[in-house]
Amino acid sequence: MIDEKENLPSLGAEDFELPHNAWFDAETATITFGIDKITLSFTVDEFLVFVNEMEDISTVLQQMLVKEKEECPTCGTHLEYIMVTPPADSDFN
């Protein structure tokens, strides 16, 4: 069941799977998902805050990272480097 007011699953809903093997637990109203050896579990409110913070971090990182690709002329091996250009302190203020 969807709560039309907030467009979120209500507590009356059954458990269901989300993308990337995440799960919504209807009984506890939590979202749980694993990243490698770590399992994260959030209430819906906590999850929304987490996502907003990760979007902020992602935005900054995308502006700082540049991918460089090279190919070895001898063996043809492809190498990929990620170059990081840290932001100036003034970029955060």
PDB file of N, CA and C in Angstrom:
ATOM      1  N   MET A   1       0.843  -1.171   0.000  1.00  0.00           N
ATOM      2  CA  MET A   1       0.000   0.000   0.000  1.00  0.00           C
ATOM      3  C   MET A   1       0.897   1.246   0.000  1.00  0.00           C
ATOM      4  N   ILE A   2       0.523   2.238  -0.788  1.00  0.00           N
ATOM      5  CA  ILE A   2       1.299   3.475  -0.879  1.00  0.00           C
ATOM      6  C   ILE A   2       0.539   4.587  -0.167  1.00  0.00           C
ATOM      7  N   ASP A   3       1.243   5.317   0.675  1.00  0.00           N
ATOM      8  CA  ASP A   3       0.681   6.472   1.343  1.00  0.00           C
ATOM      9  C   ASP A   3       0.731   7.622   0.337  1.00  0.00           C
ATOM     10  N   GLU A   4      -0.407   8.030  -0.205  1.00  0.00           N
ATOM     11  CA  GLU A   4      -0.432   9.045  -1.249  1.00  0.00           C
ATOM     12  C   GLU A   4       0.099  10.385  -0.777  1.00  0.00           C
ATOM     13  N   LYS A   5      -0.026  10.665   0.512  1.00  0.00           N
ATOM     14  CA  LYS A   5       0.425  11.948   1.038  1.00  0.00           C
ATOM     15  C   LYS A   5       1.929  12.120   0.862  1.00  0.00           C
ATOM     16  N   GLU A   6       2.701  11.075   1.185  1.00  0.00           N
ATOM     17  CA  GLU A   6       4.156  11.186   1.096  1.00  0.00           C
ATOM     18  C   GLU A   6       4.733  10.348  -0.031  1.00  0.00           C
ATOM     19  N   ASN A   7       3.887   9.581  -0.737  1.00  0.00           N
ATOM     20  CA  ASN A   7       4.345   8.744  -1.830  1.00  0.00           C
ATOM     21  C   ASN A   7       5.357   7.698  -1.376  1.00  0.00           C
ATOM     22  N   LEU A   8       5.236   7.242  -0.134  1.00  0.00           N
ATOM     23  CA  LEU A   8       6.129   6.229   0.416  1.00  0.00           C
ATOM     24  C   LEU A   8       5.306   5.024   0.837  1.00  0.00           C
ATOM     25  N   PRO A   9       5.918   3.830   0.862  1.00  0.00           N
ATOM     26  CA  PRO A   9       5.170   2.666   1.340  1.00  0.00           C
ATOM     27  C   PRO A   9       4.695   2.894   2.772  1.00  0.00           C
ATOM     28  N   SER A  10       3.471   2.491   3.062  1.00  0.00           N
ATOM     29  CA  SER A  10       2.959   2.638   4.417  1.00  0.00           C
ATOM     30  C   SER A  10       3.323   1.410   5.230  1.00  0.00           C
ATOM     31  N   LEU A  11       3.102   1.467   6.548  1.00  0.00           N
ATOM     32  CA  LEU A  11       3.436   0.339   7.410  1.00  0.00           C
ATOM     33  C   LEU A  11       2.577  -0.884   7.114  1.00  0.00           C
ATOM     34  N   GLY A  12       1.447  -0.709   6.429  1.00  0.00           N
ATOM     35  CA  GLY A  12       0.596  -1.840   6.104  1.00  0.00           C
ATOM     36  C   GLY A  12       1.102  -2.649   4.916  1.00  0.00           C
ATOM     37  N   ALA A  13       2.125  -2.204   4.255  1.00  0.00           N
ATOM     38  CA  ALA A  13       2.661  -2.884   3.082  1.00  0.00           C
ATOM     39  C   ALA A  13       3.425  -4.146   3.489  1.00  0.00           C
ATOM     40  N   GLU A  14       3.595  -5.028   2.537  1.00  0.00           N
ATOM     41  CA  GLU A  14       4.421  -6.209   2.750  1.00  0.00           C
ATOM     42  C   GLU A  14       5.863  -5.851   2.438  1.00  0.00           C
ATOM     43  N   ASP A  15       6.802  -6.676   2.936  1.00  0.00           N
ATOM     44  CA  ASP A  15       8.207  -6.483   2.597  1.00  0.00           C
ATOM     45  C   ASP A  15       8.356  -6.572   1.079  1.00  0.00           C
ATOM     46  N   PHE A  16       9.295  -5.806   0.532  1.00  0.00           N
ATOM     47  CA  PHE A  16       9.551  -5.925  -0.898  1.00  0.00           C
ATOM     48  C   PHE A  16      10.995  -5.576  -1.199  1.00  0.00           C
ATOM     49  N   GLU A  17      11.467  -6.096  -2.339  1.00  0.00           N
ATOM     50  CA  GLU A  17      12.836  -5.877  -2.768  1.00  0.00           C
ATOM     51  C   GLU A  17      12.933  -4.569  -3.542  1.00  0.00           C
ATOM     52  N   LEU A  18      14.029  -3.870  -3.320  1.00  0.00           N
ATOM     53  CA  LEU A  18      14.338  -2.633  -4.027  1.00  0.00           C
ATOM     54  C   LEU A  18      15.512  -2.906  -4.974  1.00  0.00           C
ATOM     55  N   PRO A  19      15.836  -1.997  -5.858  1.00  0.00           N
ATOM     56  CA  PRO A  19      17.005  -2.200  -6.735  1.00  0.00           C
ATOM     57  C   PRO A  19      18.285  -2.441  -5.933  1.00  0.00           C
ATOM     58  N   HIS A  20      19.230  -3.115  -6.550  1.00  0.00           N
ATOM     59  CA  HIS A  20      20.550  -3.395  -5.985  1.00  0.00           C
ATOM     60  C   HIS A  20      20.467  -4.261  -4.726  1.00  0.00           C
ATOM     61  N   ASN A  21      19.523  -5.184  -4.708  1.00  0.00           N
ATOM     62  CA  ASN A  21      19.336  -6.138  -3.603  1.00  0.00           C
ATOM     63  C   ASN A  21      19.030  -5.473  -2.272  1.00  0.00           C
ATOM     64  N   ALA A  22      18.461  -4.297  -2.304  1.00  0.00           N
ATOM     65  CA  ALA A  22      18.016  -3.637  -1.070  1.00  0.00           C
ATOM     66  C   ALA A  22      16.617  -4.144  -0.747  1.00  0.00           C
ATOM     67  N   TRP A  23      16.233  -4.012   0.526  1.00  0.00           N
ATOM     68  CA  TRP A  23      14.921  -4.481   0.968  1.00  0.00           C
ATOM     69  C   TRP A  23      14.230  -3.435   1.815  1.00  0.00           C
ATOM     70  N   PHE A  24      12.912  -3.370   1.665  1.00  0.00           N
ATOM     71  CA  PHE A  24      12.098  -2.567   2.557  1.00  0.00           C
ATOM     72  C   PHE A  24      11.386  -3.533   3.479  1.00  0.00           C
ATOM     73  N   ASP A  25      11.608  -3.370   4.788  1.00  0.00           N
ATOM     74  CA  ASP A  25      10.960  -4.198   5.806  1.00  0.00           C
ATOM     75  C   ASP A  25       9.740  -3.434   6.309  1.00  0.00           C
ATOM     76  N   ALA A  26       8.548  -3.939   5.964  1.00  0.00           N
ATOM     77  CA  ALA A  26       7.313  -3.237   6.305  1.00  0.00           C
ATOM     78  C   ALA A  26       7.063  -3.196   7.809  1.00  0.00           C
ATOM     79  N   GLU A  27       7.468  -4.245   8.517  1.00  0.00           N
ATOM     80  CA  GLU A  27       7.203  -4.297   9.960  1.00  0.00           C
ATOM     81  C   GLU A  27       7.975  -3.223  10.715  1.00  0.00           C
ATOM     82  N   THR A  28       9.222  -3.012  10.337  1.00  0.00           N
ATOM     83  CA  THR A  28      10.056  -2.024  11.032  1.00  0.00           C
ATOM     84  C   THR A  28      10.188  -0.724  10.251  1.00  0.00           C
ATOM     85  N   ALA A  29       9.636  -0.681   9.032  1.00  0.00           N
ATOM     86  CA  ALA A  29       9.732   0.485   8.146  1.00  0.00           C
ATOM     87  C   ALA A  29      11.191   0.889   7.930  1.00  0.00           C
ATOM     88  N   THR A  30      12.039  -0.116   7.660  1.00  0.00           N
ATOM     89  CA  THR A  30      13.455   0.148   7.411  1.00  0.00           C
ATOM     90  C   THR A  30      13.863  -0.308   6.023  1.00  0.00           C
ATOM     91  N   ILE A  31      14.872   0.346   5.521  1.00  0.00           N
ATOM     92  CA  ILE A  31      15.488  -0.001   4.245  1.00  0.00           C
ATOM     93  C   ILE A  31      16.863  -0.562   4.577  1.00  0.00           C
ATOM     94  N   THR A  32      17.158  -1.750   4.055  1.00  0.00           N
ATOM     95  CA  THR A  32      18.432  -2.415   4.333  1.00  0.00           C
ATOM     96  C   THR A  32      19.091  -2.794   3.017  1.00  0.00           C
ATOM     97  N   PHE A  33      20.400  -2.542   2.928  1.00  0.00           N
ATOM     98  CA  PHE A  33      21.136  -2.976   1.742  1.00  0.00           C
ATOM     99  C   PHE A  33      22.602  -3.157   2.097  1.00  0.00           C
ATOM    100  N   GLY A  34      23.252  -3.991   1.326  1.00  0.00           N
ATOM    101  CA  GLY A  34      24.658  -4.286   1.566  1.00  0.00           C
ATOM    102  C   GLY A  34      25.556  -3.650   0.532  1.00  0.00           C
ATOM    103  N   ILE A  35      26.725  -3.243   1.007  1.00  0.00           N
ATOM    104  CA  ILE A  35      27.788  -2.744   0.143  1.00  0.00           C
ATOM    105  C   ILE A  35      29.025  -3.521   0.541  1.00  0.00           C
ATOM    106  N   ASP A  36      29.438  -4.447  -0.318  1.00  0.00           N
ATOM    107  CA  ASP A  36      30.537  -5.361  -0.008  1.00  0.00           C
ATOM    108  C   ASP A  36      30.287  -6.059   1.322  1.00  0.00           C
ATOM    109  N   LYS A  37      31.129  -5.821   2.314  1.00  0.00           N
ATOM    110  CA  LYS A  37      31.003  -6.510   3.604  1.00  0.00           C
ATOM    111  C   LYS A  37      30.184  -5.718   4.620  1.00  0.00           C
ATOM    112  N   ILE A  38      29.636  -4.590   4.215  1.00  0.00           N
ATOM    113  CA  ILE A  38      28.894  -3.717   5.126  1.00  0.00           C
ATOM    114  C   ILE A  38      27.408  -3.799   4.800  1.00  0.00           C
ATOM    115  N   THR A  39      26.578  -3.887   5.826  1.00  0.00           N
ATOM    116  CA  THR A  39      25.133  -3.826   5.643  1.00  0.00           C
ATOM    117  C   THR A  39      24.627  -2.560   6.311  1.00  0.00           C
ATOM    118  N   LEU A  40      23.903  -1.742   5.550  1.00  0.00           N
ATOM    119  CA  LEU A  40      23.349  -0.499   6.063  1.00  0.00           C
ATOM    120  C   LEU A  40      21.854  -0.673   6.258  1.00  0.00           C
ATOM    121  N   SER A  41      21.343  -0.112   7.342  1.00  0.00           N
ATOM    122  CA  SER A  41      19.919  -0.181   7.628  1.00  0.00           C
ATOM    123  C   SER A  41      19.459   1.190   8.114  1.00  0.00           C
ATOM    124  N   PHE A  42      18.404   1.716   7.468  1.00  0.00           N
ATOM    125  CA  PHE A  42      17.915   3.051   7.762  1.00  0.00           C
ATOM    126  C   PHE A  42      16.394   3.043   7.890  1.00  0.00           C
ATOM    127  N   THR A  43      15.865   3.932   8.709  1.00  0.00           N
ATOM    128  CA  THR A  43      14.450   4.235   8.616  1.00  0.00           C
ATOM    129  C   THR A  43      14.286   5.023   7.317  1.00  0.00           C
ATOM    130  N   VAL A  44      13.063   5.207   6.871  1.00  0.00           N
ATOM    131  CA  VAL A  44      12.850   5.946   5.632  1.00  0.00           C
ATOM    132  C   VAL A  44      13.382   7.378   5.768  1.00  0.00           C
ATOM    133  N   ASP A  45      13.105   8.029   6.888  1.00  0.00           N
ATOM    134  CA  ASP A  45      13.601   9.401   7.100  1.00  0.00           C
ATOM    135  C   ASP A  45      15.123   9.446   7.088  1.00  0.00           C
ATOM    136  N   GLU A  46      15.766   8.510   7.786  1.00  0.00           N
ATOM    137  CA  GLU A  46      17.232   8.468   7.815  1.00  0.00           C
ATOM    138  C   GLU A  46      17.789   8.218   6.426  1.00  0.00           C
ATOM    139  N   PHE A  47      17.128   7.341   5.679  1.00  0.00           N
ATOM    140  CA  PHE A  47      17.591   7.030   4.329  1.00  0.00           C
ATOM    141  C   PHE A  47      17.545   8.258   3.431  1.00  0.00           C
ATOM    142  N   LEU A  48      16.462   9.021   3.514  1.00  0.00           N
ATOM    143  CA  LEU A  48      16.339  10.219   2.676  1.00  0.00           C
ATOM    144  C   LEU A  48      17.421  11.243   3.008  1.00  0.00           C
ATOM    145  N   VAL A  49      17.755  11.390   4.295  1.00  0.00           N
ATOM    146  CA  VAL A  49      18.848  12.291   4.693  1.00  0.00           C
ATOM    147  C   VAL A  49      20.171  11.769   4.136  1.00  0.00           C
ATOM    148  N   PHE A  50      20.411  10.459   4.268  1.00  0.00           N
ATOM    149  CA  PHE A  50      21.640   9.831   3.769  1.00  0.00           C
ATOM    150  C   PHE A  50      21.792  10.063   2.266  1.00  0.00           C
ATOM    151  N   VAL A  51      20.717   9.852   1.513  1.00  0.00           N
ATOM    152  CA  VAL A  51      20.767  10.033   0.065  1.00  0.00           C
ATOM    153  C   VAL A  51      21.110  11.476  -0.286  1.00  0.00           C
ATOM    154  N   ASN A  52      20.493  12.434   0.384  1.00  0.00           N
ATOM    155  CA  ASN A  52      20.808  13.846   0.112  1.00  0.00           C
ATOM    156  C   ASN A  52      22.269  14.161   0.391  1.00  0.00           C
ATOM    157  N   GLU A  53      22.800  13.622   1.485  1.00  0.00           N
ATOM    158  CA  GLU A  53      24.209  13.858   1.806  1.00  0.00           C
ATOM    159  C   GLU A  53      25.131  13.192   0.787  1.00  0.00           C
ATOM    160  N   MET A  54      24.788  11.990   0.339  1.00  0.00           N
ATOM    161  CA  MET A  54      25.603  11.299  -0.669  1.00  0.00           C
ATOM    162  C   MET A  54      25.551  12.032  -2.006  1.00  0.00           C
ATOM    163  N   GLU A  55      24.398  12.611  -2.344  1.00  0.00           N
ATOM    164  CA  GLU A  55      24.298  13.395  -3.575  1.00  0.00           C
ATOM    165  C   GLU A  55      25.217  14.611  -3.518  1.00  0.00           C
ATOM    166  N   ASP A  56      25.294  15.262  -2.352  1.00  0.00           N
ATOM    167  CA  ASP A  56      26.204  16.402  -2.185  1.00  0.00           C
ATOM    168  C   ASP A  56      27.650  15.965  -2.381  1.00  0.00           C
ATOM    169  N   ILE A  57      28.014  14.867  -1.745  1.00  0.00           N
ATOM    170  CA  ILE A  57      29.386  14.350  -1.865  1.00  0.00           C
ATOM    171  C   ILE A  57      29.674  13.964  -3.307  1.00  0.00           C
ATOM    172  N   SER A  58      28.730  13.287  -3.954  1.00  0.00           N
ATOM    173  CA  SER A  58      28.907  12.873  -5.342  1.00  0.00           C
ATOM    174  C   SER A  58      29.112  14.068  -6.264  1.00  0.00           C
ATOM    175  N   THR A  59      28.348  15.125  -6.046  1.00  0.00           N
ATOM    176  CA  THR A  59      28.481  16.327  -6.865  1.00  0.00           C
ATOM    177  C   THR A  59      29.885  16.908  -6.758  1.00  0.00           C
ATOM    178  N   VAL A  60      30.391  17.007  -5.544  1.00  0.00           N
ATOM    179  CA  VAL A  60      31.737  17.551  -5.336  1.00  0.00           C
ATOM    180  C   VAL A  60      32.782  16.639  -5.975  1.00  0.00           C
ATOM    181  N   LEU A  61      32.660  15.325  -5.756  1.00  0.00           N
ATOM    182  CA  LEU A  61      33.638  14.398  -6.326  1.00  0.00           C
ATOM    183  C   LEU A  61      33.630  14.424  -7.848  1.00  0.00           C
ATOM    184  N   GLN A  62      32.462  14.503  -8.447  1.00  0.00           N
ATOM    185  CA  GLN A  62      32.392  14.529  -9.905  1.00  0.00           C
ATOM    186  C   GLN A  62      33.100  15.753 -10.480  1.00  0.00           C
ATOM    187  N   GLN A  63      33.086  16.850  -9.746  1.00  0.00           N
ATOM    188  CA  GLN A  63      33.776  18.047 -10.200  1.00  0.00           C
ATOM    189  C   GLN A  63      35.285  17.927 -10.001  1.00  0.00           C
ATOM    190  N   MET A  64      35.719  17.074  -9.071  1.00  0.00           N
ATOM    191  CA  MET A  64      37.142  16.943  -8.748  1.00  0.00           C
ATOM    192  C   MET A  64      37.843  15.837  -9.533  1.00  0.00           C
ATOM    193  N   LEU A  65      37.104  14.833 -10.028  1.00  0.00           N
ATOM    194  CA  LEU A  65      37.711  13.663 -10.637  1.00  0.00           C
ATOM    195  C   LEU A  65      37.764  13.766 -12.149  1.00  0.00           C
ATOM    196  N   VAL A  66      38.916  13.363 -12.690  1.00  0.00           N
ATOM    197  CA  VAL A  66      39.090  13.297 -14.128  1.00  0.00           C
ATOM    198  C   VAL A  66      39.679  11.927 -14.444  1.00  0.00           C
ATOM    199  N   LYS A  67      39.057  11.218 -15.381  1.00  0.00           N
ATOM    200  CA  LYS A  67      39.574   9.905 -15.785  1.00  0.00           C
ATOM    201  C   LYS A  67      40.517  10.081 -16.964  1.00  0.00           C
ATOM    202  N   GLU A  68      41.679   9.518 -16.826  1.00  0.00           N
ATOM    203  CA  GLU A  68      42.680   9.537 -17.894  1.00  0.00           C
ATOM    204  C   GLU A  68      42.854   8.105 -18.383  1.00  0.00           C
ATOM    205  N   LYS A  69      42.890   7.917 -19.703  1.00  0.00           N
ATOM    206  CA  LYS A  69      43.073   6.582 -20.269  1.00  0.00           C
ATOM    207  C   LYS A  69      44.328   6.575 -21.123  1.00  0.00           C
ATOM    208  N   GLU A  70      45.068   5.486 -21.006  1.00  0.00           N
ATOM    209  CA  GLU A  70      46.275   5.309 -21.808  1.00  0.00           C
ATOM    210  C   GLU A  70      46.297   3.892 -22.353  1.00  0.00           C
ATOM    211  N   GLU A  71      46.977   3.722 -23.455  1.00  0.00           N
ATOM    212  CA  GLU A  71      47.172   2.395 -24.004  1.00  0.00           C
ATOM    213  C   GLU A  71      48.663   2.188 -24.226  1.00  0.00           C
ATOM    214  N   CYS A  72      49.170   1.064 -23.736  1.00  0.00           N
ATOM    215  CA  CYS A  72      50.585   0.743 -23.920  1.00  0.00           C
ATOM    216  C   CYS A  72      50.815   0.478 -25.407  1.00  0.00           C
ATOM    217  N   PRO A  73      51.743   1.233 -26.034  1.00  0.00           N
ATOM    218  CA  PRO A  73      51.974   1.044 -27.468  1.00  0.00           C
ATOM    219  C   PRO A  73      52.586  -0.318 -27.796  1.00  0.00           C
ATOM    220  N   THR A  74      53.249  -0.940 -26.824  1.00  0.00           N
ATOM    221  CA  THR A  74      53.904  -2.222 -27.067  1.00  0.00           C
ATOM    222  C   THR A  74      52.952  -3.402 -26.933  1.00  0.00           C
ATOM    223  N   CYS A  75      52.240  -3.469 -25.787  1.00  0.00           N
ATOM    224  CA  CYS A  75      51.403  -4.649 -25.530  1.00  0.00           C
ATOM    225  C   CYS A  75      49.906  -4.381 -25.703  1.00  0.00           C
ATOM    226  N   GLY A  76      49.509  -3.123 -25.847  1.00  0.00           N
ATOM    227  CA  GLY A  76      48.107  -2.798 -26.054  1.00  0.00           C
ATOM    228  C   GLY A  76      47.265  -2.789 -24.792  1.00  0.00           C
ATOM    229  N   THR A  77      47.900  -2.919 -23.625  1.00  0.00           N
ATOM    230  CA  THR A  77      47.160  -2.903 -22.366  1.00  0.00           C
ATOM    231  C   THR A  77      46.554  -1.531 -22.143  1.00  0.00           C
ATOM    232  N   HIS A  78      45.290  -1.516 -21.751  1.00  0.00           N
ATOM    233  CA  HIS A  78      44.606  -0.261 -21.451  1.00  0.00           C
ATOM    234  C   HIS A  78      44.734   0.043 -19.965  1.00  0.00           C
ATOM    235  N   LEU A  79      45.144   1.236 -19.657  1.00  0.00           N
ATOM    236  CA  LEU A  79      45.263   1.683 -18.278  1.00  0.00           C
ATOM    237  C   LEU A  79      44.324   2.864 -18.076  1.00  0.00           C
ATOM    238  N   GLU A  80      43.695   2.887 -16.917  1.00  0.00           N
ATOM    239  CA  GLU A  80      42.804   3.998 -16.596  1.00  0.00           C
ATOM    240  C   GLU A  80      43.216   4.573 -15.250  1.00  0.00           C
ATOM    241  N   TYR A  81      43.405   5.861 -15.211  1.00  0.00           N
ATOM    242  CA  TYR A  81      43.783   6.562 -13.998  1.00  0.00           C
ATOM    243  C   TYR A  81      42.663   7.512 -13.603  1.00  0.00           C
ATOM    244  N   ILE A  82      42.493   7.673 -12.339  1.00  0.00           N
ATOM    245  CA  ILE A  82      41.553   8.684 -11.852  1.00  0.00           C
ATOM    246  C   ILE A  82      42.374   9.755 -11.161  1.00  0.00           C
ATOM    247  N   MET A  83      42.339  10.936 -11.729  1.00  0.00           N
ATOM    248  CA  MET A  83      43.090  12.054 -11.193  1.00  0.00           C
ATOM    249  C   MET A  83      42.158  12.876 -10.300  1.00  0.00           C
ATOM    250  N   VAL A  84      42.657  13.256  -9.125  1.00  0.00           N
ATOM    251  CA  VAL A  84      41.862  14.018  -8.165  1.00  0.00           C
ATOM    252  C   VAL A  84      42.453  15.414  -8.039  1.00  0.00           C
ATOM    253  N   THR A  85      41.598  16.402  -8.240  1.00  0.00           N
ATOM    254  CA  THR A  85      41.998  17.792  -8.033  1.00  0.00           C
ATOM    255  C   THR A  85      41.220  18.316  -6.853  1.00  0.00           C
ATOM    256  N   PRO A  86      41.843  18.367  -5.671  1.00  0.00           N
ATOM    257  CA  PRO A  86      41.113  18.824  -4.485  1.00  0.00           C
ATOM    258  C   PRO A  86      40.616  20.258  -4.656  1.00  0.00           C
ATOM    259  N   PRO A  87      39.435  20.535  -4.133  1.00  0.00           N
ATOM    260  CA  PRO A  87      38.895  21.889  -4.240  1.00  0.00           C
ATOM    261  C   PRO A  87      39.654  22.845  -3.314  1.00  0.00           C
ATOM    262  N   ALA A  88      39.638  24.108  -3.684  1.00  0.00           N
ATOM    263  CA  ALA A  88      40.228  25.132  -2.812  1.00  0.00           C
ATOM    264  C   ALA A  88      39.311  25.309  -1.609  1.00  0.00           C
ATOM    265  N   ASP A  89      39.877  25.731  -0.491  1.00  0.00           N
ATOM    266  CA  ASP A  89      39.077  25.967   0.728  1.00  0.00           C
ATOM    267  C   ASP A  89      37.939  26.942   0.451  1.00  0.00           C
ATOM    268  N   SER A  90      38.157  27.878  -0.451  1.00  0.00           N
ATOM    269  CA  SER A  90      37.130  28.884  -0.738  1.00  0.00           C
ATOM    270  C   SER A  90      35.922  28.284  -1.465  1.00  0.00           C
ATOM    271  N   ASP A  91      36.090  27.087  -2.059  1.00  0.00           N
ATOM    272  CA  ASP A  91      34.971  26.442  -2.755  1.00  0.00           C
ATOM    273  C   ASP A  91      33.892  25.966  -1.815  1.00  0.00           C
ATOM    274  N   PHE A  92      34.221  25.800  -0.535  1.00  0.00           N
ATOM    275  CA  PHE A  92      33.260  25.306   0.441  1.00  0.00           C
ATOM    276  C   PHE A  92      32.609  26.419   1.254  1.00  0.00           C
ATOM    277  N   ASN A  93      33.069  27.629   1.088  1.00  0.00           N
ATOM    278  CA  ASN A  93      32.536  28.744   1.877  1.00  0.00           C
ATOM    279  C   ASN A  93      31.841  29.751   1.007  1.00  0.00           C
TER     280      ASN A  93
END
